[in-house]
N, C-alpha and C. Protein backbone atom coordinates (compact mmCIF):
# COMPACT_ATOMS: atom_id res chain seq x y z
N MET A 1 1.21 -0.91 0.01
CA MET A 1 -0.19 0.01 0.27
C MET A 1 0.87 1.03 0.12
N GLU A 2 0.39 2.08 -1.18
CA GLU A 2 1.09 3.49 -1.15
C GLU A 2 -0.04 4.71 -0.49
N ILE A 3 0.58 5.80 0.24
CA ILE A 3 -0.66 6.82 0.83
C ILE A 3 0.64 8.04 -0.18
N ARG A 4 -0.26 8.96 -0.79
CA ARG A 4 0.45 9.38 -1.40
C ARG A 4 -0.78 10.64 -2.34
N LYS A 5 0.02 11.65 -2.33
CA LYS A 5 -1.18 12.50 -3.45
C LYS A 5 -1.71 12.52 -4.38
N ILE A 6 -2.84 12.30 -4.82
CA ILE A 6 -3.31 11.99 -5.87
C ILE A 6 -2.98 13.15 -6.59
N ALA A 7 -2.38 12.81 -7.93
CA ALA A 7 -1.71 13.79 -9.24
C ALA A 7 -3.24 14.15 -9.81
N GLU A 8 -3.25 14.72 -10.45
CA GLU A 8 -3.54 15.60 -11.70
C GLU A 8 -4.20 14.73 -12.58
N GLU A 9 -3.34 13.82 -13.37
CA GLU A 9 -4.01 12.99 -14.57
C GLU A 9 -4.55 11.70 -13.82
N GLU A 10 -4.45 11.48 -12.04
CA GLU A 10 -5.61 11.07 -11.25
C GLU A 10 -6.69 11.31 -11.27
N ILE A 11 -6.86 11.66 -11.91
CA ILE A 11 -8.23 13.22 -10.88
C ILE A 11 -9.26 11.94 -11.74
N HIS A 12 -9.71 11.44 -12.55
CA HIS A 12 -10.79 10.84 -12.95
C HIS A 12 -10.59 9.96 -12.56
N GLN A 13 -9.73 9.04 -11.56
CA GLN A 13 -10.00 8.04 -10.67
C GLN A 13 -10.71 7.77 -9.60
N ILE A 14 -9.76 9.57 -8.97
CA ILE A 14 -11.25 10.23 -7.64
C ILE A 14 -12.46 10.00 -8.50
N LYS A 15 -13.22 10.66 -9.33
CA LYS A 15 -14.52 10.43 -9.18
C LYS A 15 -15.27 9.06 -9.54
N LYS A 16 -14.51 8.37 -10.35
CA LYS A 16 -14.79 7.24 -10.10
C LYS A 16 -15.37 6.57 -9.28
N LEU A 17 -14.35 6.42 -7.78
CA LEU A 17 -14.49 5.95 -6.67
C LEU A 17 -15.45 7.28 -6.14
N ARG A 18 -15.48 8.19 -6.56
CA ARG A 18 -16.78 9.38 -5.89
C ARG A 18 -18.13 8.27 -6.23
N ASP A 19 -17.77 8.42 -7.02
CA ASP A 19 -19.37 7.81 -7.49
C ASP A 19 -20.03 7.01 -7.45
N TYR A 20 -18.71 6.14 -7.19
CA TYR A 20 -19.45 3.84 -6.64
C TYR A 20 -20.15 4.05 -5.59
N ALA A 21 -19.02 4.98 -4.39
CA ALA A 21 -19.26 5.07 -3.02
C ALA A 21 -21.05 5.96 -2.26
N PHE A 22 -20.95 7.09 -3.14
CA PHE A 22 -22.13 7.59 -3.15
C PHE A 22 -23.10 7.17 -4.11
N ARG A 23 -23.02 6.71 -5.38
CA ARG A 23 -23.80 6.58 -6.03
C ARG A 23 -24.94 7.71 -6.64
N THR A 24 -24.18 8.97 -6.67
CA THR A 24 -24.66 9.66 -7.04
C THR A 24 -23.04 10.91 -7.68
N PRO A 25 -23.27 11.27 -9.11
CA PRO A 25 -22.53 12.25 -9.15
C PRO A 25 -22.36 13.49 -8.15
N GLY A 26 -21.67 14.66 -7.97
CA GLY A 26 -21.41 15.65 -8.02
C GLY A 26 -22.32 16.77 -8.27
N ARG A 27 -23.13 17.79 -7.35
CA ARG A 27 -24.31 18.56 -8.29
C ARG A 27 -23.72 19.56 -8.61
N GLY A 28 -22.68 20.13 -8.30
CA GLY A 28 -22.01 21.16 -9.51
C GLY A 28 -21.51 20.77 -10.93
N GLY A 29 -21.78 19.37 -10.91
CA GLY A 29 -21.41 19.24 -12.62
C GLY A 29 -19.16 19.00 -12.74
N GLU A 30 -18.99 19.14 -13.84
CA GLU A 30 -18.27 18.71 -14.59
C GLU A 30 -17.09 19.76 -13.89
N GLU A 31 -17.76 21.35 -13.91
CA GLU A 31 -16.20 22.32 -13.54
C GLU A 31 -16.41 22.42 -12.22
N ASP A 32 -17.37 22.41 -11.48
CA ASP A 32 -17.09 22.69 -10.25
C ASP A 32 -16.37 21.36 -9.24
N PHE A 33 -16.41 19.85 -9.83
CA PHE A 33 -16.01 19.06 -9.39
C PHE A 33 -13.96 19.24 -9.87
N LEU A 34 -13.72 20.17 -11.36
CA LEU A 34 -12.69 19.91 -10.73
C LEU A 34 -12.11 20.98 -10.36
N PHE A 35 -12.95 22.56 -10.29
CA PHE A 35 -12.57 23.78 -9.07
C PHE A 35 -11.66 23.15 -8.32
N TRP A 36 -12.39 22.12 -7.17
CA TRP A 36 -12.12 21.62 -6.01
C TRP A 36 -11.64 21.01 -5.77
N MET A 37 -10.78 19.95 -7.85
CA MET A 37 -10.02 19.57 -6.99
C MET A 37 -8.58 20.03 -7.34
N GLU A 38 -8.77 21.02 -7.68
CA GLU A 38 -7.57 22.11 -8.33
C GLU A 38 -7.14 22.18 -6.88
N LYS A 39 -8.38 22.76 -5.60
CA LYS A 39 -7.89 23.03 -4.46
C LYS A 39 -7.37 22.62 -3.49
N ALA A 40 -8.38 20.92 -3.72
CA ALA A 40 -7.93 20.39 -2.38
C ALA A 40 -7.04 19.71 -2.26
N THR A 41 -6.92 19.24 -0.95
CA THR A 41 -5.77 18.07 -0.83
C THR A 41 -5.90 17.52 -1.32
N ARG A 42 -5.09 16.46 -2.01
CA ARG A 42 -6.34 15.17 -2.36
C ARG A 42 -5.29 13.68 -2.66
N LEU A 43 -5.38 12.99 -1.16
CA LEU A 43 -4.84 12.37 -0.87
C LEU A 43 -6.03 10.64 -1.01
N GLY A 44 -4.41 9.70 -1.89
CA GLY A 44 -4.92 8.80 -2.02
C GLY A 44 -4.46 7.13 -1.09
N ALA A 45 -4.71 6.33 -0.63
CA ALA A 45 -4.35 4.93 -0.61
C ALA A 45 -3.96 4.18 -2.34
N PHE A 46 -3.38 3.85 -2.69
CA PHE A 46 -3.10 2.50 -3.74
C PHE A 46 -2.47 2.19 -3.04
N LEU A 47 -2.59 0.76 -4.20
CA LEU A 47 -3.05 -0.58 -3.79
C LEU A 47 -2.38 -1.23 -5.51
N ASN A 48 -1.10 -1.60 -5.94
CA ASN A 48 -1.01 -2.17 -7.23
C ASN A 48 -0.89 -0.98 -8.37
N GLY A 49 -0.54 0.26 -7.53
CA GLY A 49 -0.92 1.47 -8.77
C GLY A 49 -1.75 1.62 -9.17
N LYS A 50 -3.22 1.07 -8.36
CA LYS A 50 -4.49 1.62 -8.28
C LYS A 50 -5.12 2.48 -7.49
N LEU A 51 -5.40 3.17 -7.25
CA LEU A 51 -6.12 4.28 -6.15
C LEU A 51 -7.44 3.13 -5.58
N SER A 52 -7.40 2.95 -4.79
CA SER A 52 -8.29 2.50 -3.01
C SER A 52 -9.02 2.86 -2.48
N ALA A 53 -8.56 3.66 -2.00
CA ALA A 53 -9.23 5.15 -1.07
C ALA A 53 -8.90 5.82 -0.94
N GLN A 54 -9.61 6.88 -0.68
CA GLN A 54 -9.29 8.47 -1.08
C GLN A 54 -9.94 9.66 0.16
N VAL A 55 -9.26 10.87 0.66
CA VAL A 55 -9.35 12.12 1.31
C VAL A 55 -9.23 12.60 0.65
N MET A 56 -10.44 14.03 1.04
CA MET A 56 -10.14 15.24 0.31
C MET A 56 -10.17 15.99 1.20
N THR A 57 -9.33 17.04 1.00
CA THR A 57 -9.51 18.50 2.23
C THR A 57 -9.28 19.77 2.06
N TYR A 58 -10.51 20.18 1.99
CA TYR A 58 -10.88 21.97 1.03
C TYR A 58 -10.28 23.01 1.98
N PRO A 59 -9.25 23.26 1.77
CA PRO A 59 -8.65 24.86 2.50
C PRO A 59 -10.31 25.95 1.99
N LEU A 60 -10.40 25.68 3.52
CA LEU A 60 -11.13 26.71 3.57
C LEU A 60 -11.13 27.67 5.15
N GLU A 61 -12.06 28.41 5.28
CA GLU A 61 -12.57 29.29 6.28
C GLU A 61 -13.28 29.62 7.08
N ILE A 62 -13.60 29.32 8.74
CA ILE A 62 -14.13 29.72 9.62
C ILE A 62 -14.55 30.79 10.22
N SER A 63 -15.22 31.70 10.66
CA SER A 63 -15.23 33.03 11.75
C SER A 63 -15.57 31.72 13.10
N PHE A 64 -14.54 32.33 14.12
CA PHE A 64 -14.56 32.07 15.43
C PHE A 64 -14.55 33.05 16.19
N LEU A 65 -15.22 33.41 16.93
CA LEU A 65 -15.40 35.05 17.46
C LEU A 65 -14.79 35.79 17.62
N GLY A 66 -15.38 36.10 15.71
CA GLY A 66 -14.68 37.33 15.21
C GLY A 66 -13.49 37.18 14.24
N GLN A 67 -12.54 36.01 14.76
CA GLN A 67 -11.73 35.90 13.97
C GLN A 67 -12.08 35.05 13.08
N LYS A 68 -11.09 34.91 11.62
CA LYS A 68 -10.73 34.19 10.41
C LYS A 68 -9.61 32.92 10.79
N ILE A 69 -10.59 31.81 10.35
CA ILE A 69 -9.66 30.69 11.11
C ILE A 69 -9.60 29.39 9.90
N LYS A 70 -7.98 28.88 9.48
CA LYS A 70 -8.17 28.11 8.49
C LYS A 70 -9.04 27.34 9.34
N MET A 71 -9.79 26.55 8.09
CA MET A 71 -10.36 24.92 8.44
C MET A 71 -10.15 24.20 7.25
N GLY A 72 -10.12 22.94 7.43
CA GLY A 72 -9.94 21.93 6.37
C GLY A 72 -11.21 21.13 6.35
N GLY A 73 -11.86 21.18 5.18
CA GLY A 73 -13.13 20.87 5.55
C GLY A 73 -12.90 19.03 3.90
N VAL A 74 -12.94 18.26 4.76
CA VAL A 74 -13.02 16.82 4.39
C VAL A 74 -14.59 17.06 3.47
N ALA A 75 -14.18 16.00 3.03
CA ALA A 75 -14.43 14.94 1.33
C ALA A 75 -14.52 14.25 0.38
N TYR A 76 -15.43 13.51 0.43
CA TYR A 76 -15.37 12.24 -0.56
C TYR A 76 -13.89 10.99 -0.06
N VAL A 77 -14.20 11.10 1.28
CA VAL A 77 -13.51 9.91 1.78
C VAL A 77 -13.99 8.58 1.13
N ALA A 78 -13.73 7.76 1.12
CA ALA A 78 -14.08 6.37 0.00
C ALA A 78 -13.21 5.39 -0.30
N THR A 79 -13.38 4.22 -0.26
CA THR A 79 -13.11 2.84 -0.13
C THR A 79 -13.93 2.31 -1.05
N PHE A 80 -13.20 1.31 -1.94
CA PHE A 80 -13.71 0.11 -2.90
C PHE A 80 -13.69 -0.54 -1.77
N PRO A 81 -15.19 -1.68 -1.21
CA PRO A 81 -15.82 -2.55 -1.07
C PRO A 81 -14.43 -3.66 -0.61
N GLU A 82 -13.85 -4.43 -1.65
CA GLU A 82 -12.76 -4.93 -1.63
C GLU A 82 -11.92 -4.22 -1.06
N ASN A 83 -11.56 -3.66 -0.20
CA ASN A 83 -10.16 -2.84 0.51
C ASN A 83 -10.66 -2.25 1.67
N ARG A 84 -11.78 -2.35 2.24
CA ARG A 84 -12.68 -1.96 3.59
C ARG A 84 -12.29 -2.64 4.60
N ARG A 85 -11.90 -2.19 5.52
CA ARG A 85 -11.09 -2.86 6.69
C ARG A 85 -10.43 -3.16 6.77
N GLY A 86 -9.25 -2.59 5.91
CA GLY A 86 -8.22 -2.71 5.50
C GLY A 86 -7.43 -2.22 6.50
N GLY A 87 -7.49 -0.54 7.05
CA GLY A 87 -7.44 0.35 7.41
C GLY A 87 -6.53 1.53 6.58
N LEU A 88 -7.02 1.07 5.29
CA LEU A 88 -6.85 2.03 4.57
C LEU A 88 -7.06 3.79 4.70
N ILE A 89 -8.44 3.76 5.05
CA ILE A 89 -9.54 5.09 5.12
C ILE A 89 -8.08 5.45 6.51
N ARG A 90 -8.25 4.32 7.96
CA ARG A 90 -6.89 5.75 8.98
C ARG A 90 -6.10 5.97 8.67
N ALA A 91 -5.54 5.21 7.31
CA ALA A 91 -4.34 5.93 6.95
C ALA A 91 -3.86 7.15 6.83
N LEU A 92 -5.10 7.36 5.89
CA LEU A 92 -5.41 8.35 5.03
C LEU A 92 -5.69 9.57 5.53
N MET A 93 -7.39 9.34 7.04
CA MET A 93 -7.48 10.22 7.59
C MET A 93 -6.08 10.99 8.62
N ARG A 94 -5.67 9.68 8.96
CA ARG A 94 -4.47 10.38 10.43
C ARG A 94 -3.46 11.44 9.09
N ALA A 95 -2.85 10.98 7.43
CA ALA A 95 -2.34 11.39 6.75
C ALA A 95 -2.49 13.10 6.40
N SER A 96 -4.20 12.46 6.50
CA SER A 96 -4.79 14.21 5.93
C SER A 96 -4.61 15.41 7.14
N LEU A 97 -5.09 14.59 8.79
CA LEU A 97 -5.00 15.51 9.82
C LEU A 97 -3.39 16.11 9.99
N ASN A 98 -1.96 15.09 9.39
CA ASN A 98 -1.10 16.14 9.66
C ASN A 98 -1.21 16.90 8.69
N GLU A 99 -1.29 17.16 7.46
CA GLU A 99 -1.35 18.21 6.72
C GLU A 99 -2.29 19.34 6.83
N MET A 100 -3.16 19.27 6.91
CA MET A 100 -4.35 20.03 7.78
C MET A 100 -3.59 21.05 8.91
N LYS A 101 -2.95 20.05 10.05
CA LYS A 101 -1.67 20.86 11.10
C LYS A 101 -0.61 21.41 10.62
N ASP A 102 0.00 20.77 9.33
CA ASP A 102 1.32 21.37 8.56
C ASP A 102 0.78 22.84 7.85
N LYS A 103 -0.40 22.94 7.61
CA LYS A 103 -1.02 24.10 6.90
C LYS A 103 -1.51 24.98 8.32
N GLY A 104 -1.56 24.46 9.19
CA GLY A 104 -2.28 25.77 9.41
C GLY A 104 -4.14 25.50 9.92
N GLN A 105 -4.34 24.61 9.31
CA GLN A 105 -5.98 23.83 9.59
C GLN A 105 -5.89 23.33 10.98
N LEU A 106 -5.83 24.63 12.28
CA LEU A 106 -6.19 23.67 13.23
C LEU A 106 -7.81 22.92 12.90
N VAL A 107 -8.97 23.49 12.47
CA VAL A 107 -9.99 22.95 12.67
C VAL A 107 -10.40 22.20 11.45
N SER A 108 -11.75 21.44 11.53
CA SER A 108 -11.93 20.69 10.68
C SER A 108 -13.36 20.12 10.69
N TYR A 109 -13.87 20.26 9.36
CA TYR A 109 -15.08 19.78 9.70
C TYR A 109 -16.14 19.04 8.56
N LEU A 110 -17.01 18.48 8.53
CA LEU A 110 -16.87 16.96 7.58
C LEU A 110 -18.56 17.09 7.71
N HIS A 111 -19.21 16.20 6.92
CA HIS A 111 -20.16 15.87 7.30
C HIS A 111 -20.57 14.50 7.34
N PRO A 112 -20.44 13.77 8.32
CA PRO A 112 -20.04 11.80 8.56
C PRO A 112 -21.41 11.34 8.51
N PHE A 113 -20.87 9.53 7.83
CA PHE A 113 -22.43 9.01 7.32
C PHE A 113 -22.08 8.20 8.71
N ASP A 114 -21.04 8.55 9.79
CA ASP A 114 -21.51 7.53 10.41
C ASP A 114 -20.49 8.58 12.03
N ILE A 115 -21.47 8.86 12.65
CA ILE A 115 -20.01 9.70 13.65
C ILE A 115 -19.74 8.93 14.74
N PRO A 116 -20.14 7.84 15.00
CA PRO A 116 -18.74 7.18 15.62
C PRO A 116 -17.62 6.69 14.70
N PHE A 117 -17.52 6.27 14.00
CA PHE A 117 -16.45 6.37 12.68
C PHE A 117 -16.04 6.93 12.94
N TYR A 118 -15.78 8.63 12.81
CA TYR A 118 -15.02 10.04 12.62
C TYR A 118 -14.33 10.03 14.34
N GLN A 119 -15.32 9.79 15.41
CA GLN A 119 -15.05 10.29 16.51
C GLN A 119 -13.60 9.53 16.56
N LYS A 120 -13.44 8.98 16.28
CA LYS A 120 -12.46 7.88 16.13
C LYS A 120 -11.33 8.61 15.83
N PHE A 121 -10.91 9.85 15.04
CA PHE A 121 -10.49 10.66 14.09
C PHE A 121 -10.46 12.06 15.30
N GLY A 122 -10.80 12.33 16.37
CA GLY A 122 -10.96 13.32 17.49
C GLY A 122 -12.71 14.38 16.54
N PHE A 123 -12.56 13.89 16.23
CA PHE A 123 -14.04 14.69 15.18
C PHE A 123 -15.81 14.76 16.63
N ASP A 124 -16.22 15.42 16.43
CA ASP A 124 -17.12 15.52 17.03
C ASP A 124 -18.55 15.85 17.25
N LEU A 125 -19.71 15.43 17.29
CA LEU A 125 -21.05 16.36 17.00
C LEU A 125 -20.97 17.73 17.37
N VAL A 126 -21.15 18.38 16.96
CA VAL A 126 -21.14 19.90 17.11
C VAL A 126 -22.95 20.63 16.49
N ALA A 127 -23.79 19.68 15.60
CA ALA A 127 -24.85 20.55 15.50
C ALA A 127 -25.38 18.54 15.01
N ASN A 128 -26.89 19.63 15.59
CA ASN A 128 -28.05 17.68 14.40
C ASN A 128 -29.09 18.68 14.28
N GLU A 129 -29.01 18.49 13.02
CA GLU A 129 -30.11 18.86 12.08
C GLU A 129 -31.22 17.92 12.18
N VAL A 130 -32.67 17.71 12.51
CA VAL A 130 -33.16 16.72 11.45
C VAL A 130 -34.56 17.58 10.84
N SER A 131 -34.99 17.65 9.81
CA SER A 131 -35.91 18.18 8.82
C SER A 131 -37.13 17.08 8.30
N ALA A 132 -38.01 17.81 8.28
CA ALA A 132 -39.43 15.95 8.03
C ALA A 132 -39.97 17.40 7.00
N THR A 133 -40.25 16.61 5.56
CA THR A 133 -41.95 17.10 5.22
C THR A 133 -42.80 16.93 5.10
N LEU A 134 -43.92 17.04 5.25
CA LEU A 134 -44.77 16.75 4.95
C LEU A 134 -46.69 16.99 3.92
N VAL A 135 -46.97 16.14 3.97
CA VAL A 135 -48.00 16.15 2.30
C VAL A 135 -49.11 16.83 3.48
N LEU A 136 -50.07 18.11 2.69
CA LEU A 136 -50.91 18.01 3.67
C LEU A 136 -51.70 16.95 3.34
N LYS A 137 -51.92 16.25 1.56
CA LYS A 137 -52.72 15.36 1.63
C LYS A 137 -52.38 14.00 2.41
N ASN A 138 -51.15 13.96 3.00
CA ASN A 138 -50.97 12.38 3.52
C ASN A 138 -51.65 12.81 4.69
N LEU A 139 -51.73 13.49 5.27
CA LEU A 139 -52.71 14.48 6.46
C LEU A 139 -54.30 13.65 6.96
N MET A 140 -53.85 13.24 8.47
CA MET A 140 -55.55 12.33 8.29
C MET A 140 -56.53 14.03 8.67
N GLN A 141 -58.07 13.30 8.00
CA GLN A 141 -58.91 15.15 8.54
C GLN A 141 -59.54 14.02 9.57
N ARG A 142 -59.51 15.08 10.81
CA ARG A 142 -60.64 14.42 11.11
C ARG A 142 -61.91 14.82 11.16
N SER A 143 -63.08 13.72 10.66
CA SER A 143 -64.06 13.58 10.48
C SER A 143 -65.52 15.01 10.83
N SER A 144 -64.93 14.22 12.35
CA SER A 144 -65.88 15.18 13.59
C SER A 144 -64.69 15.85 14.65
N GLY A 145 -64.58 16.55 15.42
CA GLY A 145 -64.95 16.79 16.06
C GLY A 145 -65.38 18.04 17.37
N GLN A 146 -64.83 18.16 18.45
CA GLN A 146 -65.67 18.74 19.60
C GLN A 146 -65.11 20.39 20.11
N GLY A 147 -65.64 20.80 20.07
CA GLY A 147 -64.83 22.63 20.21
C GLY A 147 -66.05 24.10 19.94
N SER A 148 -64.71 24.72 19.78
CA SER A 148 -65.72 25.82 19.57
C SER A 148 -64.34 27.18 18.96
N ILE A 149 -64.78 27.46 18.23
CA ILE A 149 -63.80 29.10 18.05
C ILE A 149 -64.16 30.25 18.88
N VAL A 150 -63.32 30.87 19.14
CA VAL A 150 -63.58 32.08 20.19
C VAL A 150 -62.94 33.22 19.47
N ARG A 151 -63.31 33.96 18.88
CA ARG A 151 -62.82 35.46 18.38
C ARG A 151 -62.25 36.61 19.51
N THR A 152 -61.17 36.91 20.32
CA THR A 152 -61.30 37.37 20.68
C THR A 152 -60.06 38.38 20.15
N SER A 153 -60.44 39.45 21.08
CA SER A 153 -59.28 40.88 21.18
C SER A 153 -58.37 40.33 22.23
N ALA A 154 -56.72 41.14 22.09
CA ALA A 154 -55.43 40.64 22.48
C ALA A 154 -55.52 41.42 23.41
N ASN A 155 -56.24 42.75 24.29
CA ASN A 155 -56.01 42.75 25.74
C ASN A 155 -57.07 41.52 26.20
N GLN A 156 -58.25 41.04 25.64
CA GLN A 156 -59.11 39.68 26.34
C GLN A 156 -58.77 38.74 26.88
N SER A 157 -58.81 38.09 28.13
CA SER A 157 -59.23 36.96 28.59
C SER A 157 -59.81 35.53 28.11
N LEU A 158 -58.43 34.67 27.99
CA LEU A 158 -59.80 33.53 27.04
C LEU A 158 -60.27 32.86 28.32
N PHE A 159 -59.77 33.23 29.35
CA PHE A 159 -60.92 32.73 30.52
C PHE A 159 -61.87 33.63 31.10
N SER A 160 -62.44 35.07 30.61
CA SER A 160 -62.87 36.02 31.55
C SER A 160 -64.29 35.40 30.97
N GLU A 161 -65.53 36.21 31.56
CA GLU A 161 -66.54 35.31 30.89
C GLU A 161 -67.55 35.82 29.60
N ARG A 162 -67.99 35.77 29.32
CA ARG A 162 -67.87 36.34 27.69
C ARG A 162 -69.99 36.44 27.70
């Protein structure tokens, strides 16, 4: 196994692994993909000369207490199934974190597929968002209900005698 930077002429291999692992091509199209690949630190694990696992780190900044801080945005962490459980991602994450440290990126963000997996590397959950979309036609309407509607003014108590 060889851990090294992925050369520009090997970017097509990143795309192949990304599309396999995430099952959908990137949303921004080819131009967006190439823009970020040019800026990213592209690390790969190669077995017999073939890219088998990868980690990309984007050079970004965050604002923390009014101060700009360099941040490494971790993306496209992936490996082919036949290479899983072989320590490739662990080796790549360690190399990636060392690269970030060398570049002064002391903060790193990612969107994890599995929180406990990334906690092994020092990441933790800082925000959790849950969203739901309700479709009106899927909500059941009650055919009968008891009660009444009373219109009041803002300064009138709901519990005062009417």
